[in-house]
Amino acid sequence: VFGISLPGFGCNKELDMMLVLDRSGSIDPTELATLKTAANAFVTALAPSAPGVHIGQSSFSTTGSLDLHLTGVEADVHTAINGLVSSSLTNLKEGIELATAELDDTHVHERPAVKDVMVIITDGNPNQPPDETNARAVAKAAADAARAAGIEVFVVGVGDDVDATYLANDIANSGSPTHYFSATKFDDLQTVLESLVTCS
């Protein structure tokens, strides 16, 4: 694991955060189980509550889905994470767009005065909507729109198949090493995620 620099966002007592999780077919059942364990530990460390941290979830394979509206109920977040099933291709664009819509200040579940964060976890490169060149371009445009809306975007790339340069420069907030993280394998994911909630 490299690229970790503290603090992440753990010093915020209030936070509206969307998890954007890859559930494409390149993630095998063992890896998916490890991803769920890491994401669940991450949520537990953030300790969602009504007055504090609110967490929602979108995920993506060939299409994106909104799995959970922003909530302060920790059990609901764990249920959404544990319900993930991996299959098919990688539509990062839709995962980002669904999370951005949830974090919009006009959304019923969003708290306009609270910091907005998006945490994307992926093990591959976008390839939907076709072709791969287009998929990369529209995912970048979606990430640009999220940042323009005031959302801070963090990305964790897992494994050897990710284009770290693309994820760090085009998807994550650029200009700072604290927004892109690399995990060599899913077993390293929990360490990376928990570093984000450390308050130095």
C-alpha atoms as a PDB file:
ATOM      1  CA  VAL A   1       0.000   0.000   0.000  1.00  0.00           C
ATOM      2  CA  PHE A   2       1.330   3.447  -0.847  1.00  0.00           C
ATOM      3  CA  GLY A   3       0.170   7.037  -1.126  1.00  0.00           C
ATOM      4  CA  ILE A   4      -1.366   7.348   2.337  1.00  0.00           C
ATOM      5  CA  SER A   5      -1.118  10.803   3.893  1.00  0.00           C
ATOM      6  CA  LEU A   6      -2.970  11.898   6.999  1.00  0.00           C
ATOM      7  CA  PRO A   7      -5.353  13.345   7.920  1.00  0.00           C
ATOM      8  CA  GLY A   8      -8.096  12.078   5.631  1.00  0.00           C
ATOM      9  CA  PHE A   9     -11.550  13.267   6.622  1.00  0.00           C
ATOM     10  CA  GLY A  10     -11.788  11.683  10.069  1.00  0.00           C
ATOM     11  CA  CYS A  11     -11.582  15.055  11.825  1.00  0.00           C
ATOM     12  CA  ASN A  12     -15.073  16.003  10.650  1.00  0.00           C
ATOM     13  CA  LYS A  13     -17.721  15.454  13.317  1.00  0.00           C
ATOM     14  CA  GLU A  14     -20.391  15.947  10.663  1.00  0.00           C
ATOM     15  CA  LEU A  15     -20.099  14.453   7.191  1.00  0.00           C
ATOM     16  CA  ASP A  16     -22.325  13.415   4.293  1.00  0.00           C
ATOM     17  CA  MET A  17     -20.493  10.609   2.501  1.00  0.00           C
ATOM     18  CA  MET A  18     -21.410   8.422  -0.447  1.00  0.00           C
ATOM     19  CA  LEU A  19     -19.649   5.096  -0.944  1.00  0.00           C
ATOM     20  CA  VAL A  20     -19.342   4.261  -4.656  1.00  0.00           C
ATOM     21  CA  LEU A  21     -18.484   0.572  -4.900  1.00  0.00           C
ATOM     22  CA  ASP A  22     -17.380  -1.482  -7.886  1.00  0.00           C
ATOM     23  CA  ARG A  23     -19.382  -4.717  -8.207  1.00  0.00           C
ATOM     24  CA  SER A  24     -18.202  -5.722 -11.685  1.00  0.00           C
ATOM     25  CA  GLY A  25     -17.491  -9.315 -12.654  1.00  0.00           C
ATOM     26  CA  SER A  26     -13.720  -8.916 -12.294  1.00  0.00           C
ATOM     27  CA  ILE A  27     -14.246  -9.076  -8.528  1.00  0.00           C
ATOM     28  CA  ASP A  28     -14.465 -12.750  -7.604  1.00  0.00           C
ATOM     29  CA  PRO A  29     -16.539 -14.003  -4.640  1.00  0.00           C
ATOM     30  CA  THR A  30     -13.565 -14.113  -2.275  1.00  0.00           C
ATOM     31  CA  GLU A  31     -12.505 -10.587  -3.225  1.00  0.00           C
ATOM     32  CA  LEU A  32     -16.067  -9.324  -2.884  1.00  0.00           C
ATOM     33  CA  ALA A  33     -16.291 -10.798   0.608  1.00  0.00           C
ATOM     34  CA  THR A  34     -13.027  -9.045   1.513  1.00  0.00           C
ATOM     35  CA  LEU A  35     -14.324  -5.767   0.053  1.00  0.00           C
ATOM     36  CA  LYS A  36     -17.471  -6.062   2.180  1.00  0.00           C
ATOM     37  CA  THR A  37     -15.443  -6.730   5.332  1.00  0.00           C
ATOM     38  CA  ALA A  38     -13.240  -3.699   4.666  1.00  0.00           C
ATOM     39  CA  ALA A  39     -16.171  -1.422   3.817  1.00  0.00           C
ATOM     40  CA  ASN A  40     -18.068  -2.543   6.905  1.00  0.00           C
ATOM     41  CA  ALA A  41     -15.056  -1.820   9.127  1.00  0.00           C
ATOM     42  CA  PHE A  42     -14.754   1.591   7.484  1.00  0.00           C
ATOM     43  CA  VAL A  43     -18.373   2.386   8.263  1.00  0.00           C
ATOM     44  CA  THR A  44     -17.993   1.218  11.853  1.00  0.00           C
ATOM     45  CA  ALA A  45     -14.964   3.490  12.274  1.00  0.00           C
ATOM     46  CA  LEU A  46     -16.982   6.452  10.987  1.00  0.00           C
ATOM     47  CA  ALA A  47     -19.763   5.664  13.496  1.00  0.00           C
ATOM     48  CA  PRO A  48     -22.808   7.047  11.619  1.00  0.00           C
ATOM     49  CA  SER A  49     -25.394   8.847  13.733  1.00  0.00           C
ATOM     50  CA  ALA A  50     -28.300  11.241  13.251  1.00  0.00           C
ATOM     51  CA  PRO A  51     -26.359  14.355  14.332  1.00  0.00           C
ATOM     52  CA  GLY A  52     -22.971  13.239  12.964  1.00  0.00           C
ATOM     53  CA  VAL A  53     -21.864  11.212   9.930  1.00  0.00           C
ATOM     54  CA  HIS A  54     -24.437  10.191   7.318  1.00  0.00           C
ATOM     55  CA  ILE A  55     -23.512   7.529   4.732  1.00  0.00           C
ATOM     56  CA  GLY A  56     -25.193   6.370   1.527  1.00  0.00           C
ATOM     57  CA  GLN A  57     -24.160   3.961  -1.204  1.00  0.00           C
ATOM     58  CA  SER A  58     -24.194   3.629  -4.951  1.00  0.00           C
ATOM     59  CA  SER A  59     -22.555   0.785  -6.836  1.00  0.00           C
ATOM     60  CA  PHE A  60     -21.814  -0.084 -10.427  1.00  0.00           C
ATOM     61  CA  SER A  61     -21.338  -2.935 -12.853  1.00  0.00           C
ATOM     62  CA  THR A  62     -22.783  -2.639 -16.396  1.00  0.00           C
ATOM     63  CA  THR A  63     -25.142  -0.040 -14.930  1.00  0.00           C
ATOM     64  CA  GLY A  64     -25.128   1.906 -11.693  1.00  0.00           C
ATOM     65  CA  SER A  65     -27.596   1.578  -8.841  1.00  0.00           C
ATOM     66  CA  LEU A  66     -28.480   3.693  -5.817  1.00  0.00           C
ATOM     67  CA  ASP A  67     -28.374   1.141  -3.012  1.00  0.00           C
ATOM     68  CA  LEU A  68     -28.944   3.417  -0.015  1.00  0.00           C
ATOM     69  CA  HIS A  69     -29.942   7.024   0.593  1.00  0.00           C
ATOM     70  CA  LEU A  70     -27.812   9.029   3.010  1.00  0.00           C
ATOM     71  CA  THR A  71     -28.589   7.863   6.536  1.00  0.00           C
ATOM     72  CA  GLY A  72     -27.293   8.057  10.078  1.00  0.00           C
ATOM     73  CA  VAL A  73     -28.437   4.484  10.766  1.00  0.00           C
ATOM     74  CA  GLU A  74     -25.315   2.335  10.751  1.00  0.00           C
ATOM     75  CA  ALA A  75     -27.162  -0.986  10.427  1.00  0.00           C
ATOM     76  CA  ASP A  76     -28.735   0.176   7.153  1.00  0.00           C
ATOM     77  CA  VAL A  77     -25.303   0.920   5.680  1.00  0.00           C
ATOM     78  CA  HIS A  78     -24.012  -2.528   6.582  1.00  0.00           C
ATOM     79  CA  THR A  79     -27.094  -4.077   4.969  1.00  0.00           C
ATOM     80  CA  ALA A  80     -26.441  -2.192   1.727  1.00  0.00           C
ATOM     81  CA  ILE A  81     -22.788  -3.250   1.659  1.00  0.00           C
ATOM     82  CA  ASN A  82     -23.599  -6.882   2.401  1.00  0.00           C
ATOM     83  CA  GLY A  83     -26.192  -6.945  -0.383  1.00  0.00           C
ATOM     84  CA  LEU A  84     -23.632  -6.393  -3.151  1.00  0.00           C
ATOM     85  CA  VAL A  85     -23.407  -9.059  -5.874  1.00  0.00           C
ATOM     86  CA  SER A  86     -20.674  -8.861  -8.522  1.00  0.00           C
ATOM     87  CA  SER A  87     -21.283  -9.354 -12.249  1.00  0.00           C
ATOM     88  CA  SER A  88     -20.712  -7.941 -15.727  1.00  0.00           C
ATOM     89  CA  LEU A  89     -18.906  -4.746 -16.771  1.00  0.00           C
ATOM     90  CA  THR A  90     -17.765  -1.415 -15.291  1.00  0.00           C
ATOM     91  CA  ASN A  91     -19.893   1.733 -15.535  1.00  0.00           C
ATOM     92  CA  LEU A  92     -18.059   4.110 -13.213  1.00  0.00           C
ATOM     93  CA  LYS A  93     -19.911   7.105 -14.688  1.00  0.00           C
ATOM     94  CA  GLU A  94     -23.316   5.997 -13.402  1.00  0.00           C
ATOM     95  CA  GLY A  95     -21.956   5.149  -9.966  1.00  0.00           C
ATOM     96  CA  ILE A  96     -20.533   8.665  -9.653  1.00  0.00           C
ATOM     97  CA  GLU A  97     -23.626  10.379 -11.045  1.00  0.00           C
ATOM     98  CA  LEU A  98     -25.963   8.600  -8.636  1.00  0.00           C
ATOM     99  CA  ALA A  99     -23.761   9.568  -5.689  1.00  0.00           C
ATOM    100  CA  THR A 100     -23.532  13.174  -6.887  1.00  0.00           C
ATOM    101  CA  ALA A 101     -27.324  13.423  -7.143  1.00  0.00           C
ATOM    102  CA  GLU A 102     -27.672  12.134  -3.576  1.00  0.00           C
ATOM    103  CA  LEU A 103     -25.192  14.769  -2.340  1.00  0.00           C
ATOM    104  CA  ASP A 104     -26.945  17.619  -4.142  1.00  0.00           C
ATOM    105  CA  ASP A 105     -27.854  20.384  -1.690  1.00  0.00           C
ATOM    106  CA  THR A 106     -31.480  20.268  -2.840  1.00  0.00           C
ATOM    107  CA  HIS A 107     -31.833  16.532  -2.164  1.00  0.00           C
ATOM    108  CA  VAL A 108     -34.135  15.614   0.708  1.00  0.00           C
ATOM    109  CA  HIS A 109     -31.455  13.454   2.394  1.00  0.00           C
ATOM    110  CA  GLU A 110     -28.619  15.954   1.984  1.00  0.00           C
ATOM    111  CA  ARG A 111     -27.584  18.468   4.657  1.00  0.00           C
ATOM    112  CA  PRO A 112     -26.411  21.588   2.766  1.00  0.00           C
ATOM    113  CA  ALA A 113     -24.242  22.913   5.602  1.00  0.00           C
ATOM    114  CA  VAL A 114     -22.325  19.618   6.006  1.00  0.00           C
ATOM    115  CA  LYS A 115     -19.146  18.618   4.160  1.00  0.00           C
ATOM    116  CA  ASP A 116     -19.765  16.301   1.168  1.00  0.00           C
ATOM    117  CA  VAL A 117     -17.418  13.409   0.393  1.00  0.00           C
ATOM    118  CA  MET A 118     -17.431  10.590  -2.158  1.00  0.00           C
ATOM    119  CA  VAL A 119     -15.270   7.468  -1.705  1.00  0.00           C
ATOM    120  CA  ILE A 120     -14.896   5.300  -4.816  1.00  0.00           C
ATOM    121  CA  ILE A 121     -13.470   1.778  -4.631  1.00  0.00           C
ATOM    122  CA  THR A 122     -12.675   0.012  -7.905  1.00  0.00           C
ATOM    123  CA  ASP A 123     -10.465  -2.786  -9.200  1.00  0.00           C
ATOM    124  CA  GLY A 124     -10.590  -1.900 -12.889  1.00  0.00           C
ATOM    125  CA  ASN A 125     -11.059   0.717 -15.554  1.00  0.00           C
ATOM    126  CA  PRO A 126     -14.425   1.953 -16.879  1.00  0.00           C
ATOM    127  CA  ASN A 127     -15.665   0.259 -20.051  1.00  0.00           C
ATOM    128  CA  GLN A 128     -19.349   1.261 -20.080  1.00  0.00           C
ATOM    129  CA  PRO A 129     -21.021   2.948 -21.850  1.00  0.00           C
ATOM    130  CA  PRO A 130     -18.973   1.643 -24.784  1.00  0.00           C
ATOM    131  CA  ASP A 131     -16.294   1.908 -25.846  1.00  0.00           C
ATOM    132  CA  GLU A 132     -13.545   2.128 -23.212  1.00  0.00           C
ATOM    133  CA  THR A 133     -12.305   5.504 -24.477  1.00  0.00           C
ATOM    134  CA  ASN A 134     -15.809   6.920 -24.186  1.00  0.00           C
ATOM    135  CA  ALA A 135     -16.347   5.260 -20.799  1.00  0.00           C
ATOM    136  CA  ARG A 136     -13.229   6.930 -19.414  1.00  0.00           C
ATOM    137  CA  ALA A 137     -14.225  10.311 -20.816  1.00  0.00           C
ATOM    138  CA  VAL A 138     -17.760  10.295 -19.422  1.00  0.00           C
ATOM    139  CA  ALA A 139     -16.580   9.023 -16.014  1.00  0.00           C
ATOM    140  CA  LYS A 140     -14.102  11.909 -15.884  1.00  0.00           C
ATOM    141  CA  ALA A 141     -16.880  14.331 -16.808  1.00  0.00           C
ATOM    142  CA  ALA A 142     -19.036  12.905 -14.003  1.00  0.00           C
ATOM    143  CA  ALA A 143     -16.177  13.305 -11.504  1.00  0.00           C
ATOM    144  CA  ASP A 144     -15.568  16.870 -12.713  1.00  0.00           C
ATOM    145  CA  ALA A 145     -19.252  17.638 -12.147  1.00  0.00           C
ATOM    146  CA  ALA A 146     -19.078  16.186  -8.636  1.00  0.00           C
ATOM    147  CA  ARG A 147     -16.117  18.379  -7.753  1.00  0.00           C
ATOM    148  CA  ALA A 148     -17.813  21.416  -9.298  1.00  0.00           C
ATOM    149  CA  ALA A 149     -20.721  20.745  -6.940  1.00  0.00           C
ATOM    150  CA  GLY A 150     -18.353  20.946  -3.966  1.00  0.00           C
ATOM    151  CA  ILE A 151     -17.915  17.210  -3.386  1.00  0.00           C
ATOM    152  CA  GLU A 152     -14.475  15.998  -2.311  1.00  0.00           C
ATOM    153  CA  VAL A 153     -13.672  12.818  -4.262  1.00  0.00           C
ATOM    154  CA  PHE A 154     -11.407  10.080  -2.884  1.00  0.00           C
ATOM    155  CA  VAL A 155     -10.513   6.956  -4.883  1.00  0.00           C
ATOM    156  CA  VAL A 156      -9.028   3.615  -3.854  1.00  0.00           C
ATOM    157  CA  GLY A 157      -7.678   1.546  -6.745  1.00  0.00           C
ATOM    158  CA  VAL A 158      -7.258  -2.157  -5.975  1.00  0.00           C
ATOM    159  CA  GLY A 159      -4.919  -4.548  -7.779  1.00  0.00           C
ATOM    160  CA  ASP A 160      -2.711  -4.381 -10.855  1.00  0.00           C
ATOM    161  CA  ASP A 161      -5.391  -3.763 -13.491  1.00  0.00           C
ATOM    162  CA  VAL A 162      -6.310  -0.216 -12.501  1.00  0.00           C
ATOM    163  CA  ASP A 163      -4.930   2.800 -14.315  1.00  0.00           C
ATOM    164  CA  ALA A 164      -3.664   4.658 -11.264  1.00  0.00           C
ATOM    165  CA  THR A 165      -2.713   7.742 -13.272  1.00  0.00           C
ATOM    166  CA  TYR A 166      -6.231   8.043 -14.679  1.00  0.00           C
ATOM    167  CA  LEU A 167      -7.924   7.483 -11.328  1.00  0.00           C
ATOM    168  CA  ALA A 168      -5.603   9.889  -9.494  1.00  0.00           C
ATOM    169  CA  ASN A 169      -5.669  12.690 -12.076  1.00  0.00           C
ATOM    170  CA  ASP A 170      -9.110  12.399 -13.688  1.00  0.00           C
ATOM    171  CA  ILE A 171     -11.391  10.915 -11.025  1.00  0.00           C
ATOM    172  CA  ALA A 172     -10.001  11.788  -7.583  1.00  0.00           C
ATOM    173  CA  ASN A 173      -9.416  15.353  -6.458  1.00  0.00           C
ATOM    174  CA  SER A 174      -6.065  16.103  -8.076  1.00  0.00           C
ATOM    175  CA  GLY A 175      -3.190  18.210  -6.838  1.00  0.00           C
ATOM    176  CA  SER A 176      -2.928  16.332  -3.553  1.00  0.00           C
ATOM    177  CA  PRO A 177      -1.596  12.842  -2.767  1.00  0.00           C
ATOM    178  CA  THR A 178      -4.251  12.407  -0.095  1.00  0.00           C
ATOM    179  CA  HIS A 179      -7.100  11.696  -2.516  1.00  0.00           C
ATOM    180  CA  TYR A 180      -5.868   8.641  -4.424  1.00  0.00           C
ATOM    181  CA  PHE A 181      -4.857   5.460  -2.645  1.00  0.00           C
ATOM    182  CA  SER A 182      -3.548   2.202  -4.059  1.00  0.00           C
ATOM    183  CA  ALA A 183      -4.074  -1.242  -2.539  1.00  0.00           C
ATOM    184  CA  THR A 184      -2.076  -4.058  -4.106  1.00  0.00           C
ATOM    185  CA  LYS A 185      -4.872  -6.506  -3.298  1.00  0.00           C
ATOM    186  CA  PHE A 186      -8.248  -6.593  -1.603  1.00  0.00           C
ATOM    187  CA  ASP A 187      -6.629  -7.829   1.617  1.00  0.00           C
ATOM    188  CA  ASP A 188      -4.985  -4.391   1.910  1.00  0.00           C
ATOM    189  CA  LEU A 189      -8.218  -2.469   1.457  1.00  0.00           C
ATOM    190  CA  GLN A 190      -9.254  -2.254   5.100  1.00  0.00           C
ATOM    191  CA  THR A 191      -5.951  -0.643   6.092  1.00  0.00           C
ATOM    192  CA  VAL A 192      -6.315   1.970   3.364  1.00  0.00           C
ATOM    193  CA  LEU A 193      -9.911   2.822   4.245  1.00  0.00           C
ATOM    194  CA  GLU A 194      -9.286   3.080   7.962  1.00  0.00           C
ATOM    195  CA  SER A 195      -6.438   5.512   7.281  1.00  0.00           C
ATOM    196  CA  LEU A 196      -9.021   7.899   5.868  1.00  0.00           C
ATOM    197  CA  VAL A 197     -10.846   8.199   9.172  1.00  0.00           C
ATOM    198  CA  THR A 198      -7.733   8.788  11.272  1.00  0.00           C
ATOM    199  CA  CYS A 199      -7.634  12.286  12.734  1.00  0.00           C
ATOM    200  CA  SER A 200      -4.089  13.465  13.359  1.00  0.00           C
END
